[in-house]
């Protein structure tokens, strides 16, 4: 059955530029998605949006075009806890992708073992109410207990205003944590102010809390957009990402967020998004840690030292 896109949905950029600088060997796009295709992998009945199709083949073509070696594919909320599209993409990657799944409380051990064999290494807990019906924290503890023996981590997606309420629950989770999208700070506020300071204190609370510093197109209020050759984009988001990269250089990750679900204003050029990186990781050493060392240590630890 044909599934109509959400009205006003912005499709991914059809012809992204090539980055103006060469990514280091082994670079990982550590946050991206696949959508469907809906004819093969229908979107979840409970979804809050219907996206464009964005297949594994199209993702891997972008990977090669931009100069990445590997991907970390995060289960999209439009697929709910049906991870078939994710698993298909992981199997098609030939070992060059790892995954972050969505599972429900009560998930069986056999399903988790199958996901692990496909390349899944974490689960995502989404607390953004406009995207999902949030699962109560007590129900999530069952999921954590089941994934811990596999050595998985938990990816947390939340908005800055909700951190104070959720902080103690997050810190009680006994597996490594990865925070999506810088914890969604309000970049109109002072980077040295109390709200972002509370987020930095959260990252300082444990040595196994990681942070993704991408998605400036979601955070920026002033731009300019990564379009039409603009290589100095999203300037108001730069100080927040750079602060995290410089204080936690061994616990930061970056990803394109392709195909950029739920953007309302514009669809960025992914090549120009890569050109954003030297503004937040200004030295080759910081960029190597951000793009190569850190994601490979978290998602391909078996390759360390090889």
C-alpha atoms as a PDB file:
ATOM      1  CA  UNK A   1       0.000   0.000   0.000  1.00  0.00           C
ATOM      2  CA  UNK A   2       1.367   3.422  -0.944  1.00  0.00           C
ATOM      3  CA  UNK A   3       2.205   5.630   2.021  1.00  0.00           C
ATOM      4  CA  UNK A   4       1.912   9.350   1.353  1.00  0.00           C
ATOM      5  CA  UNK A   5       4.641  11.627   2.660  1.00  0.00           C
ATOM      6  CA  UNK A   6       3.769  14.077   5.401  1.00  0.00           C
ATOM      7  CA  UNK A   7       2.664  17.376   3.761  1.00  0.00           C
ATOM      8  CA  UNK A   8       5.592  19.758   3.437  1.00  0.00           C
ATOM      9  CA  UNK A   9       8.179  17.010   3.915  1.00  0.00           C
ATOM     10  CA  UNK A  10      11.609  18.066   2.640  1.00  0.00           C
ATOM     11  CA  UNK A  11      13.439  15.380   0.677  1.00  0.00           C
ATOM     12  CA  UNK A  12      17.194  14.940   1.043  1.00  0.00           C
ATOM     13  CA  UNK A  13      19.534  17.063  -1.074  1.00  0.00           C
ATOM     14  CA  UNK A  14      19.774  15.537  -4.560  1.00  0.00           C
ATOM     15  CA  UNK A  15      23.301  16.693  -5.460  1.00  0.00           C
ATOM     16  CA  UNK A  16      25.492  17.395  -2.430  1.00  0.00           C
ATOM     17  CA  UNK A  17      28.860  19.049  -2.966  1.00  0.00           C
ATOM     18  CA  UNK A  18      32.108  17.265  -2.324  1.00  0.00           C
ATOM     19  CA  UNK A  19      33.749  18.471   0.893  1.00  0.00           C
ATOM     20  CA  UNK A  20      36.511  21.027   0.422  1.00  0.00           C
ATOM     21  CA  UNK A  21      38.867  18.986   2.605  1.00  0.00           C
ATOM     22  CA  UNK A  22      39.767  15.298   2.631  1.00  0.00           C
ATOM     23  CA  UNK A  23      38.392  13.289   5.521  1.00  0.00           C
ATOM     24  CA  UNK A  24      40.923  11.163   7.426  1.00  0.00           C
ATOM     25  CA  UNK A  25      41.131   7.494   6.487  1.00  0.00           C
ATOM     26  CA  UNK A  26      38.632   5.406   8.409  1.00  0.00           C
ATOM     27  CA  UNK A  27      36.173   8.269   9.020  1.00  0.00           C
ATOM     28  CA  UNK A  28      32.735   7.264  10.306  1.00  0.00           C
ATOM     29  CA  UNK A  29      29.410   8.995   9.717  1.00  0.00           C
ATOM     30  CA  UNK A  30      28.169   8.135  13.200  1.00  0.00           C
ATOM     31  CA  UNK A  31      24.547   9.260  12.914  1.00  0.00           C
ATOM     32  CA  UNK A  32      22.416   8.579   9.851  1.00  0.00           C
ATOM     33  CA  UNK A  33      19.199   6.762   8.983  1.00  0.00           C
ATOM     34  CA  UNK A  34      17.459   4.659   6.375  1.00  0.00           C
ATOM     35  CA  UNK A  35      13.767   5.122   5.552  1.00  0.00           C
ATOM     36  CA  UNK A  36      12.122   2.093   3.968  1.00  0.00           C
ATOM     37  CA  UNK A  37      11.784   1.931   1.068  1.00  0.00           C
ATOM     38  CA  UNK A  38       8.191   1.839   2.227  1.00  0.00           C
ATOM     39  CA  UNK A  39       7.162  -0.780  -0.326  1.00  0.00           C
ATOM     40  CA  UNK A  40       9.632  -3.243   1.190  1.00  0.00           C
ATOM     41  CA  UNK A  41       9.733  -2.022   4.801  1.00  0.00           C
ATOM     42  CA  UNK A  42       6.433  -0.304   5.650  1.00  0.00           C
ATOM     43  CA  UNK A  43       6.467   2.550   8.138  1.00  0.00           C
ATOM     44  CA  UNK A  44       5.034   1.916  11.597  1.00  0.00           C
ATOM     45  CA  UNK A  45       1.293   2.454  12.068  1.00  0.00           C
ATOM     46  CA  UNK A  46       1.963   4.532  15.206  1.00  0.00           C
ATOM     47  CA  UNK A  47       4.440   6.876  13.454  1.00  0.00           C
ATOM     48  CA  UNK A  48       4.062  10.631  13.803  1.00  0.00           C
ATOM     49  CA  UNK A  49       5.394  11.367  10.312  1.00  0.00           C
ATOM     50  CA  UNK A  50       5.731   9.640   6.949  1.00  0.00           C
ATOM     51  CA  UNK A  51       9.085  10.408   5.289  1.00  0.00           C
ATOM     52  CA  UNK A  52      10.471  10.139   1.809  1.00  0.00           C
ATOM     53  CA  UNK A  53      12.153   6.842   1.008  1.00  0.00           C
ATOM     54  CA  UNK A  54      15.897   6.864   1.721  1.00  0.00           C
ATOM     55  CA  UNK A  55      17.419   3.478   0.991  1.00  0.00           C
ATOM     56  CA  UNK A  56      20.591   1.756   2.103  1.00  0.00           C
ATOM     57  CA  UNK A  57      21.963   2.015  -1.442  1.00  0.00           C
ATOM     58  CA  UNK A  58      21.421   5.769  -1.433  1.00  0.00           C
ATOM     59  CA  UNK A  59      23.044   6.112   1.993  1.00  0.00           C
ATOM     60  CA  UNK A  60      26.107   4.148   0.932  1.00  0.00           C
ATOM     61  CA  UNK A  61      26.405   6.211  -2.264  1.00  0.00           C
ATOM     62  CA  UNK A  62      26.470   9.345  -0.095  1.00  0.00           C
ATOM     63  CA  UNK A  63      29.060   7.737   2.210  1.00  0.00           C
ATOM     64  CA  UNK A  64      31.386   7.179  -0.733  1.00  0.00           C
ATOM     65  CA  UNK A  65      30.711  10.611  -2.262  1.00  0.00           C
ATOM     66  CA  UNK A  66      31.570  12.445   0.960  1.00  0.00           C
ATOM     67  CA  UNK A  67      34.623  10.309   1.736  1.00  0.00           C
ATOM     68  CA  UNK A  68      33.460   8.360   4.777  1.00  0.00           C
ATOM     69  CA  UNK A  69      34.513   4.759   5.259  1.00  0.00           C
ATOM     70  CA  UNK A  70      31.728   3.581   7.571  1.00  0.00           C
ATOM     71  CA  UNK A  71      28.288   4.438   8.940  1.00  0.00           C
ATOM     72  CA  UNK A  72      26.398   4.115  12.192  1.00  0.00           C
ATOM     73  CA  UNK A  73      22.733   3.789  11.240  1.00  0.00           C
ATOM     74  CA  UNK A  74      20.197   4.824  13.863  1.00  0.00           C
ATOM     75  CA  UNK A  75      16.701   3.348  13.783  1.00  0.00           C
ATOM     76  CA  UNK A  76      14.264   6.007  12.615  1.00  0.00           C
ATOM     77  CA  UNK A  77      11.181   6.735  14.729  1.00  0.00           C
ATOM     78  CA  UNK A  78       8.958   6.304  11.665  1.00  0.00           C
ATOM     79  CA  UNK A  79       9.818   2.571  11.744  1.00  0.00           C
ATOM     80  CA  UNK A  80       9.036   2.194  15.447  1.00  0.00           C
ATOM     81  CA  UNK A  81      10.475  -1.025  16.888  1.00  0.00           C
ATOM     82  CA  UNK A  82      10.384  -2.808  13.517  1.00  0.00           C
ATOM     83  CA  UNK A  83      14.116  -2.937  12.799  1.00  0.00           C
ATOM     84  CA  UNK A  84      13.928  -4.803   9.489  1.00  0.00           C
ATOM     85  CA  UNK A  85      15.034  -1.852   7.334  1.00  0.00           C
ATOM     86  CA  UNK A  86      17.959  -1.225   9.687  1.00  0.00           C
ATOM     87  CA  UNK A  87      19.011  -4.885   9.703  1.00  0.00           C
ATOM     88  CA  UNK A  88      18.765  -5.060   5.911  1.00  0.00           C
ATOM     89  CA  UNK A  89      21.046  -2.023   5.598  1.00  0.00           C
ATOM     90  CA  UNK A  90      23.573  -3.462   8.050  1.00  0.00           C
ATOM     91  CA  UNK A  91      23.718  -6.738   6.154  1.00  0.00           C
ATOM     92  CA  UNK A  92      24.144  -4.921   2.848  1.00  0.00           C
ATOM     93  CA  UNK A  93      27.037  -2.889   4.233  1.00  0.00           C
ATOM     94  CA  UNK A  94      29.517  -5.754   4.251  1.00  0.00           C
ATOM     95  CA  UNK A  95      30.601  -4.939   7.798  1.00  0.00           C
ATOM     96  CA  UNK A  96      30.987  -1.227   7.096  1.00  0.00           C
ATOM     97  CA  UNK A  97      27.975  -0.213   9.188  1.00  0.00           C
ATOM     98  CA  UNK A  98      26.858  -0.668  12.750  1.00  0.00           C
ATOM     99  CA  UNK A  99      23.376   0.010  14.075  1.00  0.00           C
ATOM    100  CA  UNK A 100      21.378   1.498  16.911  1.00  0.00           C
ATOM    101  CA  UNK A 101      17.987  -0.195  17.229  1.00  0.00           C
ATOM    102  CA  UNK A 102      14.678   0.558  18.907  1.00  0.00           C
ATOM    103  CA  UNK A 103      13.286  -2.278  21.026  1.00  0.00           C
ATOM    104  CA  UNK A 104      10.326  -2.507  23.351  1.00  0.00           C
ATOM    105  CA  UNK A 105      10.266  -3.699  26.960  1.00  0.00           C
ATOM    106  CA  UNK A 106       9.964  -7.466  26.999  1.00  0.00           C
ATOM    107  CA  UNK A 107      12.088  -7.917  23.879  1.00  0.00           C
ATOM    108  CA  UNK A 108      13.300 -11.503  23.634  1.00  0.00           C
ATOM    109  CA  UNK A 109      16.896 -12.596  23.921  1.00  0.00           C
ATOM    110  CA  UNK A 110      16.703 -14.364  20.553  1.00  0.00           C
ATOM    111  CA  UNK A 111      15.721 -11.108  18.822  1.00  0.00           C
ATOM    112  CA  UNK A 112      18.556  -9.268  20.536  1.00  0.00           C
ATOM    113  CA  UNK A 113      21.071 -11.918  19.462  1.00  0.00           C
ATOM    114  CA  UNK A 114      19.844 -11.605  15.869  1.00  0.00           C
ATOM    115  CA  UNK A 115      20.229  -7.831  16.002  1.00  0.00           C
ATOM    116  CA  UNK A 116      23.717  -8.185  17.450  1.00  0.00           C
ATOM    117  CA  UNK A 117      24.742 -10.600  14.702  1.00  0.00           C
ATOM    118  CA  UNK A 118      23.551  -8.069  12.114  1.00  0.00           C
ATOM    119  CA  UNK A 119      25.706  -5.338  13.657  1.00  0.00           C
ATOM    120  CA  UNK A 120      23.514  -3.564  16.207  1.00  0.00           C
ATOM    121  CA  UNK A 121      25.506  -2.223  19.148  1.00  0.00           C
ATOM    122  CA  UNK A 122      23.028   0.012  20.966  1.00  0.00           C
ATOM    123  CA  UNK A 123      19.433   1.013  21.551  1.00  0.00           C
ATOM    124  CA  UNK A 124      17.905   4.468  21.366  1.00  0.00           C
ATOM    125  CA  UNK A 125      15.656   5.944  24.036  1.00  0.00           C
ATOM    126  CA  UNK A 126      13.705   8.891  22.631  1.00  0.00           C
ATOM    127  CA  UNK A 127      12.245  11.423  25.059  1.00  0.00           C
ATOM    128  CA  UNK A 128      11.175  14.017  22.462  1.00  0.00           C
ATOM    129  CA  UNK A 129       7.411  14.016  22.821  1.00  0.00           C
ATOM    130  CA  UNK A 130       6.670  15.565  19.446  1.00  0.00           C
ATOM    131  CA  UNK A 131       8.277  12.528  17.796  1.00  0.00           C
ATOM    132  CA  UNK A 132       7.219   9.577  19.958  1.00  0.00           C
ATOM    133  CA  UNK A 133       4.993   8.515  22.809  1.00  0.00           C
ATOM    134  CA  UNK A 134       7.611   8.408  25.542  1.00  0.00           C
ATOM    135  CA  UNK A 135       8.075   5.083  27.326  1.00  0.00           C
ATOM    136  CA  UNK A 136       8.162   5.428  31.138  1.00  0.00           C
ATOM    137  CA  UNK A 137      11.708   5.111  32.527  1.00  0.00           C
ATOM    138  CA  UNK A 138      10.778   2.138  34.683  1.00  0.00           C
ATOM    139  CA  UNK A 139       9.829   0.178  31.550  1.00  0.00           C
ATOM    140  CA  UNK A 140      13.162   1.053  29.947  1.00  0.00           C
ATOM    141  CA  UNK A 141      15.086  -0.581  32.770  1.00  0.00           C
ATOM    142  CA  UNK A 142      13.983  -3.966  31.432  1.00  0.00           C
ATOM    143  CA  UNK A 143      15.550  -3.123  28.076  1.00  0.00           C
ATOM    144  CA  UNK A 144      18.802  -2.051  29.740  1.00  0.00           C
ATOM    145  CA  UNK A 145      18.989  -5.295  31.715  1.00  0.00           C
ATOM    146  CA  UNK A 146      18.606  -7.303  28.509  1.00  0.00           C
ATOM    147  CA  UNK A 147      21.164  -5.407  26.412  1.00  0.00           C
ATOM    148  CA  UNK A 148      23.866  -5.096  29.077  1.00  0.00           C
ATOM    149  CA  UNK A 149      25.224  -8.656  28.603  1.00  0.00           C
ATOM    150  CA  UNK A 150      25.724  -7.885  24.893  1.00  0.00           C
ATOM    151  CA  UNK A 151      27.979  -4.909  25.658  1.00  0.00           C
ATOM    152  CA  UNK A 152      25.579  -2.450  24.045  1.00  0.00           C
ATOM    153  CA  UNK A 153      25.092   1.209  24.934  1.00  0.00           C
ATOM    154  CA  UNK A 154      22.048   3.495  25.166  1.00  0.00           C
ATOM    155  CA  UNK A 155      21.579   6.485  22.880  1.00  0.00           C
ATOM    156  CA  UNK A 156      19.583   9.293  24.517  1.00  0.00           C
ATOM    157  CA  UNK A 157      17.534  11.799  22.551  1.00  0.00           C
ATOM    158  CA  UNK A 158      16.086  14.596  24.660  1.00  0.00           C
ATOM    159  CA  UNK A 159      15.688  18.354  24.673  1.00  0.00           C
ATOM    160  CA  UNK A 160      17.668  20.651  26.961  1.00  0.00           C
ATOM    161  CA  UNK A 161      14.648  21.740  28.982  1.00  0.00           C
ATOM    162  CA  UNK A 162      14.001  18.127  30.028  1.00  0.00           C
ATOM    163  CA  UNK A 163      17.489  17.248  31.249  1.00  0.00           C
ATOM    164  CA  UNK A 164      16.943  18.291  34.868  1.00  0.00           C
ATOM    165  CA  UNK A 165      13.953  15.955  35.168  1.00  0.00           C
ATOM    166  CA  UNK A 166      15.689  13.041  33.437  1.00  0.00           C
ATOM    167  CA  UNK A 167      19.254  13.433  34.740  1.00  0.00           C
ATOM    168  CA  UNK A 168      19.101  11.028  37.665  1.00  0.00           C
ATOM    169  CA  UNK A 169      17.442   8.332  35.581  1.00  0.00           C
ATOM    170  CA  UNK A 170      20.086   8.713  32.891  1.00  0.00           C
ATOM    171  CA  UNK A 171      22.898   8.466  35.418  1.00  0.00           C
ATOM    172  CA  UNK A 172      21.344   5.299  36.875  1.00  0.00           C
ATOM    173  CA  UNK A 173      21.612   3.458  33.533  1.00  0.00           C
ATOM    174  CA  UNK A 174      24.515   0.993  34.040  1.00  0.00           C
ATOM    175  CA  UNK A 175      25.793   0.939  30.446  1.00  0.00           C
ATOM    176  CA  UNK A 176      27.589   3.591  28.377  1.00  0.00           C
ATOM    177  CA  UNK A 177      25.444   6.518  27.206  1.00  0.00           C
ATOM    178  CA  UNK A 178      25.536   8.487  23.949  1.00  0.00           C
ATOM    179  CA  UNK A 179      23.706  11.829  23.769  1.00  0.00           C
ATOM    180  CA  UNK A 180      22.165  12.852  20.451  1.00  0.00           C
ATOM    181  CA  UNK A 181      22.486  16.321  18.931  1.00  0.00           C
ATOM    182  CA  UNK A 182      24.378  18.061  21.776  1.00  0.00           C
ATOM    183  CA  UNK A 183      21.369  17.568  24.032  1.00  0.00           C
ATOM    184  CA  UNK A 184      19.408  20.049  21.870  1.00  0.00           C
ATOM    185  CA  UNK A 185      20.700  23.295  23.466  1.00  0.00           C
ATOM    186  CA  UNK A 186      19.021  26.661  22.918  1.00  0.00           C
ATOM    187  CA  UNK A 187      21.839  28.325  20.972  1.00  0.00           C
ATOM    188  CA  UNK A 188      20.339  31.765  21.522  1.00  0.00           C
ATOM    189  CA  UNK A 189      21.555  31.478  25.118  1.00  0.00           C
ATOM    190  CA  UNK A 190      25.081  32.008  26.410  1.00  0.00           C
ATOM    191  CA  UNK A 191      27.382  29.028  25.925  1.00  0.00           C
ATOM    192  CA  UNK A 192      28.737  29.907  29.381  1.00  0.00           C
ATOM    193  CA  UNK A 193      25.251  30.150  30.866  1.00  0.00           C
ATOM    194  CA  UNK A 194      23.572  27.848  33.371  1.00  0.00           C
ATOM    195  CA  UNK A 195      21.537  25.747  30.922  1.00  0.00           C
ATOM    196  CA  UNK A 196      24.472  24.578  28.812  1.00  0.00           C
ATOM    197  CA  UNK A 197      26.566  24.458  31.970  1.00  0.00           C
ATOM    198  CA  UNK A 198      24.129  21.882  33.358  1.00  0.00           C
ATOM    199  CA  UNK A 199      24.598  19.811  30.218  1.00  0.00           C
ATOM    200  CA  UNK A 200      28.387  19.963  30.530  1.00  0.00           C
ATOM    201  CA  UNK A 201      28.078  18.917  34.168  1.00  0.00           C
ATOM    202  CA  UNK A 202      26.030  15.929  33.035  1.00  0.00           C
ATOM    203  CA  UNK A 203      28.802  14.907  30.627  1.00  0.00           C
ATOM    204  CA  UNK A 204      31.338  15.319  33.445  1.00  0.00           C
ATOM    205  CA  UNK A 205      29.328  13.065  35.784  1.00  0.00           C
ATOM    206  CA  UNK A 206      30.575   9.825  34.192  1.00  0.00           C
ATOM    207  CA  UNK A 207      33.518   8.898  32.012  1.00  0.00           C
ATOM    208  CA  UNK A 208      31.323   6.742  29.749  1.00  0.00           C
ATOM    209  CA  UNK A 209      28.928   9.452  28.540  1.00  0.00           C
ATOM    210  CA  UNK A 210      29.518  10.295  24.889  1.00  0.00           C
ATOM    211  CA  UNK A 211      28.077  13.167  22.861  1.00  0.00           C
ATOM    212  CA  UNK A 212      27.231  13.640  19.196  1.00  0.00           C
ATOM    213  CA  UNK A 213      28.113  17.172  18.105  1.00  0.00           C
ATOM    214  CA  UNK A 214      26.406  17.193  14.710  1.00  0.00           C
ATOM    215  CA  UNK A 215      23.056  18.473  13.439  1.00  0.00           C
ATOM    216  CA  UNK A 216      23.793  22.231  13.587  1.00  0.00           C
ATOM    217  CA  UNK A 217      21.010  22.650  11.021  1.00  0.00           C
ATOM    218  CA  UNK A 218      18.560  21.579  13.749  1.00  0.00           C
ATOM    219  CA  UNK A 219      19.987  23.896  16.380  1.00  0.00           C
ATOM    220  CA  UNK A 220      20.864  27.079  14.518  1.00  0.00           C
ATOM    221  CA  UNK A 221      18.568  30.070  14.771  1.00  0.00           C
ATOM    222  CA  UNK A 222      20.580  32.464  12.597  1.00  0.00           C
ATOM    223  CA  UNK A 223      22.292  30.287   9.974  1.00  0.00           C
ATOM    224  CA  UNK A 224      23.490  30.816   7.360  1.00  0.00           C
ATOM    225  CA  UNK A 225      22.280  27.547   5.870  1.00  0.00           C
ATOM    226  CA  UNK A 226      24.653  24.979   4.379  1.00  0.00           C
ATOM    227  CA  UNK A 227      23.522  25.712   0.838  1.00  0.00           C
ATOM    228  CA  UNK A 228      24.824  27.420  -2.287  1.00  0.00           C
ATOM    229  CA  UNK A 229      28.494  26.932  -1.413  1.00  0.00           C
ATOM    230  CA  UNK A 230      28.272  28.275   2.161  1.00  0.00           C
ATOM    231  CA  UNK A 231      31.199  26.758   4.094  1.00  0.00           C
ATOM    232  CA  UNK A 232      30.786  28.866   7.226  1.00  0.00           C
ATOM    233  CA  UNK A 233      27.274  27.728   8.090  1.00  0.00           C
ATOM    234  CA  UNK A 234      25.258  27.709  11.345  1.00  0.00           C
ATOM    235  CA  UNK A 235      27.642  30.033  13.157  1.00  0.00           C
ATOM    236  CA  UNK A 236      25.543  30.336  16.311  1.00  0.00           C
ATOM    237  CA  UNK A 237      25.790  26.568  16.911  1.00  0.00           C
ATOM    238  CA  UNK A 238      29.597  26.472  16.590  1.00  0.00           C
ATOM    239  CA  UNK A 239      30.550  27.584  20.151  1.00  0.00           C
ATOM    240  CA  UNK A 240      28.397  24.863  21.738  1.00  0.00           C
ATOM    241  CA  UNK A 241      29.789  22.027  19.628  1.00  0.00           C
ATOM    242  CA  UNK A 242      33.343  23.312  19.906  1.00  0.00           C
ATOM    243  CA  UNK A 243      33.138  23.537  23.702  1.00  0.00           C
ATOM    244  CA  UNK A 244      32.178  19.862  23.920  1.00  0.00           C
ATOM    245  CA  UNK A 245      34.809  18.745  21.393  1.00  0.00           C
ATOM    246  CA  UNK A 246      37.575  20.580  23.223  1.00  0.00           C
ATOM    247  CA  UNK A 247      36.617  19.425  26.736  1.00  0.00           C
ATOM    248  CA  UNK A 248      35.709  15.836  25.824  1.00  0.00           C
ATOM    249  CA  UNK A 249      37.861  15.039  22.775  1.00  0.00           C
ATOM    250  CA  UNK A 250      37.783  11.286  23.394  1.00  0.00           C
ATOM    251  CA  UNK A 251      34.000  11.074  23.867  1.00  0.00           C
ATOM    252  CA  UNK A 252      32.584  12.941  20.871  1.00  0.00           C
ATOM    253  CA  UNK A 253      31.036  11.645  17.650  1.00  0.00           C
ATOM    254  CA  UNK A 254      29.699  13.304  14.506  1.00  0.00           C
ATOM    255  CA  UNK A 255      27.193  12.333  11.847  1.00  0.00           C
ATOM    256  CA  UNK A 256      25.390  13.822   8.888  1.00  0.00           C
ATOM    257  CA  UNK A 257      21.893  12.890  10.165  1.00  0.00           C
ATOM    258  CA  UNK A 258      21.051  12.014   6.538  1.00  0.00           C
ATOM    259  CA  UNK A 259      18.314  12.127   5.276  1.00  0.00           C
ATOM    260  CA  UNK A 260      17.539  14.835   7.855  1.00  0.00           C
ATOM    261  CA  UNK A 261      14.062  13.884   9.085  1.00  0.00           C
ATOM    262  CA  UNK A 262      11.537  16.535  10.054  1.00  0.00           C
ATOM    263  CA  UNK A 263      13.465  19.603   8.934  1.00  0.00           C
ATOM    264  CA  UNK A 264      10.954  22.365   8.213  1.00  0.00           C
ATOM    265  CA  UNK A 265      12.999  25.309   6.961  1.00  0.00           C
ATOM    266  CA  UNK A 266      15.566  23.983   4.473  1.00  0.00           C
ATOM    267  CA  UNK A 267      17.396  20.827   3.422  1.00  0.00           C
ATOM    268  CA  UNK A 268      21.165  21.202   3.839  1.00  0.00           C
ATOM    269  CA  UNK A 269      23.838  20.145   1.371  1.00  0.00           C
ATOM    270  CA  UNK A 270      25.640  17.242   3.075  1.00  0.00           C
ATOM    271  CA  UNK A 271      28.993  18.152   1.561  1.00  0.00           C
ATOM    272  CA  UNK A 272      28.741  21.608   3.099  1.00  0.00           C
ATOM    273  CA  UNK A 273      27.790  20.029   6.422  1.00  0.00           C
ATOM    274  CA  UNK A 274      31.126  18.198   6.342  1.00  0.00           C
ATOM    275  CA  UNK A 275      32.762  21.568   5.731  1.00  0.00           C
ATOM    276  CA  UNK A 276      31.229  22.697   9.043  1.00  0.00           C
ATOM    277  CA  UNK A 277      33.506  20.287  10.902  1.00  0.00           C
ATOM    278  CA  UNK A 278      36.769  22.295  10.983  1.00  0.00           C
ATOM    279  CA  UNK A 279      34.913  25.075  12.821  1.00  0.00           C
ATOM    280  CA  UNK A 280      34.072  22.768  15.741  1.00  0.00           C
ATOM    281  CA  UNK A 281      37.157  20.524  15.595  1.00  0.00           C
ATOM    282  CA  UNK A 282      39.813  23.020  14.481  1.00  0.00           C
ATOM    283  CA  UNK A 283      42.881  20.760  14.432  1.00  0.00           C
ATOM    284  CA  UNK A 284      43.630  17.599  12.448  1.00  0.00           C
ATOM    285  CA  UNK A 285      44.111  15.735  15.733  1.00  0.00           C
ATOM    286  CA  UNK A 286      40.676  16.720  17.035  1.00  0.00           C
ATOM    287  CA  UNK A 287      39.075  15.788  13.712  1.00  0.00           C
ATOM    288  CA  UNK A 288      40.815  12.405  13.711  1.00  0.00           C
ATOM    289  CA  UNK A 289      39.505  11.640  17.191  1.00  0.00           C
ATOM    290  CA  UNK A 290      36.004  12.848  16.321  1.00  0.00           C
ATOM    291  CA  UNK A 291      35.675  11.000  13.016  1.00  0.00           C
ATOM    292  CA  UNK A 292      37.990   7.980  13.319  1.00  0.00           C
ATOM    293  CA  UNK A 293      39.287   7.036  16.752  1.00  0.00           C
ATOM    294  CA  UNK A 294      36.163   7.569  18.830  1.00  0.00           C
ATOM    295  CA  UNK A 295      33.493   5.957  16.629  1.00  0.00           C
ATOM    296  CA  UNK A 296      35.741   3.012  15.792  1.00  0.00           C
ATOM    297  CA  UNK A 297      36.497   2.466  19.484  1.00  0.00           C
ATOM    298  CA  UNK A 298      32.787   2.498  20.346  1.00  0.00           C
ATOM    299  CA  UNK A 299      31.382   0.540  17.384  1.00  0.00           C
ATOM    300  CA  UNK A 300      34.296  -1.583  16.089  1.00  0.00           C
ATOM    301  CA  UNK A 301      36.355  -2.243  19.252  1.00  0.00           C
ATOM    302  CA  UNK A 302      37.489  -5.564  17.807  1.00  0.00           C
ATOM    303  CA  UNK A 303      39.608  -3.611  15.299  1.00  0.00           C
ATOM    304  CA  UNK A 304      41.498  -1.572  17.902  1.00  0.00           C
ATOM    305  CA  UNK A 305      45.231  -1.831  17.436  1.00  0.00           C
ATOM    306  CA  UNK A 306      44.924  -3.567  14.065  1.00  0.00           C
END
